[in-house]
Every structure is written in structure tokens, then in C-alpha cells.
Amino acid sequence: MEQSEVIMGEVSPSEHSHGNSDVSDTEMKEPEPDFYSARTSMASTPTTDYFPDSEEELYDDEPSELPAIPINYNRGRRTSVSAESMAPSQDKDYVKVIIPKTQEQRERIETSIENNFLFKNLDEEQYKDVIDAMVEKRVLNQEAIIKQGGIGDFFYVVETGTFDVYVSKNGVQDKVHNYGPGGSFGELALMYNAPRAATVVATSDSVLWALDRVTFRRILMENTSRKRKMYESFLEEVPILVSLEPYERHKIADALESAIYEDGQLVIKQGDIELALLNNKPRAVNITAKGRLKVATLGKKAFVRLLGPIVDILKRNSDNYETITRNVHQ
């Protein structure tokens, strides 16, 4: 985690060691999984079918290596894309895909996806289902594994080799990104039932692991939806965020990361900067985990990148946080 981060909430007990004050237990209850369906039209301007290779790349405080965005790329914060309605947990006809693999192959897949943020929050059974369903695909140098405008059938994770990403507009093809081992691509077409938005070409002989559309949507999207609903419900109870619009909480929920603290571990250290995003005040107390503690955190860089001018709204509500802190010491 970053040194300066916003800790959004606790899922299990903790206590203040300063003044021997206790914090009442706060619990995030996980709702039954249910698929959301976004509704809007696809913009005519091109969108590229890529994501950063890891959460660290997306959220760290150092200069990011995010891919270049094509000119005219629609970067509006409230834009979404049309997706087919799907409730995989209620699909009685679904049959798990199991591709036989050796232990060596399973270990290779685990190595390839271990730092991929799409897989970090899966439970043990979901993680196993993903590995079971993946199929090895060997690609020759200069072979196009995805073609812009094509039908999305698989999500890909790179084990070995390199790939370039191209977007074509008005007959001109521009290179917008590249992938190496551990990188992944192809998720947008599967998530939103849309044509492939870019062409991906191997620049060396490569090995990919491919996950079929149904398994991807059932496991990864269901997990994301369940996590989002849990966090959004919890964020509605956070006083410092009461002025945020639902879509703003939605963005925060998607960016939150889980962190685990064991019994007695220091969560917040008195004197460190806590509200650096708002008013640069130091942390007023020590907070130590009482029992095993799970928190949802949001790093400083991601906070600013996601919320932008909304920080001004949060500043007006920073008094709420100060009120809470005072009440803890009473």
C-alpha cells in the first residue's frame, strides 16, 4: 500500500491505542451476487481494447506508464457502454469448462496471472475455475490474435512473448500500446458485448492463455459486480462521502483495494499524514488491529485521478471526519 492512503472502512474490529479508546465494530455485508447492466450508446470514436497490466501501474503515486490514448478517445468520466443482461449465478444450464492440464501447466498459468489485478480478489474456488478453463494458445511472430471489428470470444493473458496494439481510423493504423509477459487484453469486448476495438499483433513467437467468454463473464464479472455492490453499500455509510453522487461512489468502489491486518498490527500511526488529500492534517491517533482486520483502501494518486474536482466537495465535508475523531476520544 502507499504511505499516504485513504482508509475507507473496516470489515472487522479494530481499536485506538491512543487514549485506550475502542472503535465500534463496522461490518460490510456482502450482498447476493447480481449482474448490473449499463445502458448507453457506443461512441463513434475508437476505444482501445486494453487495460493496465496491474493495479500498481494504475494506482501508484509514481509517474504512470498508462498507454497513450488515441486522439478523440472519449474520456468522459460518466461514459459507459451497452452490455447484455446476464446473471450467471442464476444460469442453471451453465457447465464449468475444464481443460485437462499438467501440474507444470497450472503453475505456468499461476505465474502468468499472479500480478494481474483482474484475478487478485477471486476466492479459492473461482481462482481454480479460471485456471481449469484456460486453454494454451501458441502464436507465431506477426500473427494477429485479435482483429479490430471482430467478435470477442476470448480474454488473453500473456505467458511469454510480446504484442503490439493498433487502432485503425480513416484507413490510418496507429500503434497505441504493447504487452509483455503478465499482460492481458480482450476483456472489453467480452464485458460489453461489443466488437473488438483494436488489433493485437504478436511481435515474437508467443504463448497465451485464453479464457472463454462465458467463463470470463460468469467468474470475473460476477466477482466484480459483487465486490462493487458490497463497497457501494458500505460507502453510503461513510460520513465524509455523504455528498458524493451515486456514480461517484461507483467509481470509488471499483478502485478500492482490500488490505488485511493481523491482530496487534498497526493500521494507522499517529503523526503520519492522513487527510493529505483534503487538508494535510497529521493522523491524530494510533489505530491497531484487534483481531484479524480487513479494510478497504484507496491510494492518494487514484483518489485524485478518479475524483478530480470532487476533492473540493470532500474538503467541505472534512469537518465530518474531525467530528468523528473528536467523538472517539470522548
Foldseek 3Di string as FASTA:
>chain_A
DDLAWAFQDWAAFWQFPVLRFGDDTDHQDFDDFADDWDDDADDPDFDAFFDDLALCLVAPPPDHPDWDGDPPPDPDLPDDAGADGDGLVPPPPDDQAFDDDDPVQLVLVCVQAVRGHLPPPADPVLNVSQSRQKDKDKDAAFDWPAAFQAQQWKKKTWSAFKKWKWADDPRDIDTTDMDGRSGIGRVPCLGHVGTRRIIITTRHTTMMIIGTSVSCCNRRVSSLRSQLVSQLVSSCPRQLCVPDDSVLSSLVSNQWDKDKDAAFAWDFDFQCQHVCLADRDTHHTIMGGHHIMMTIMHGPRRVCVSCPVCSVVSNVRVVVVVVVVVVSND
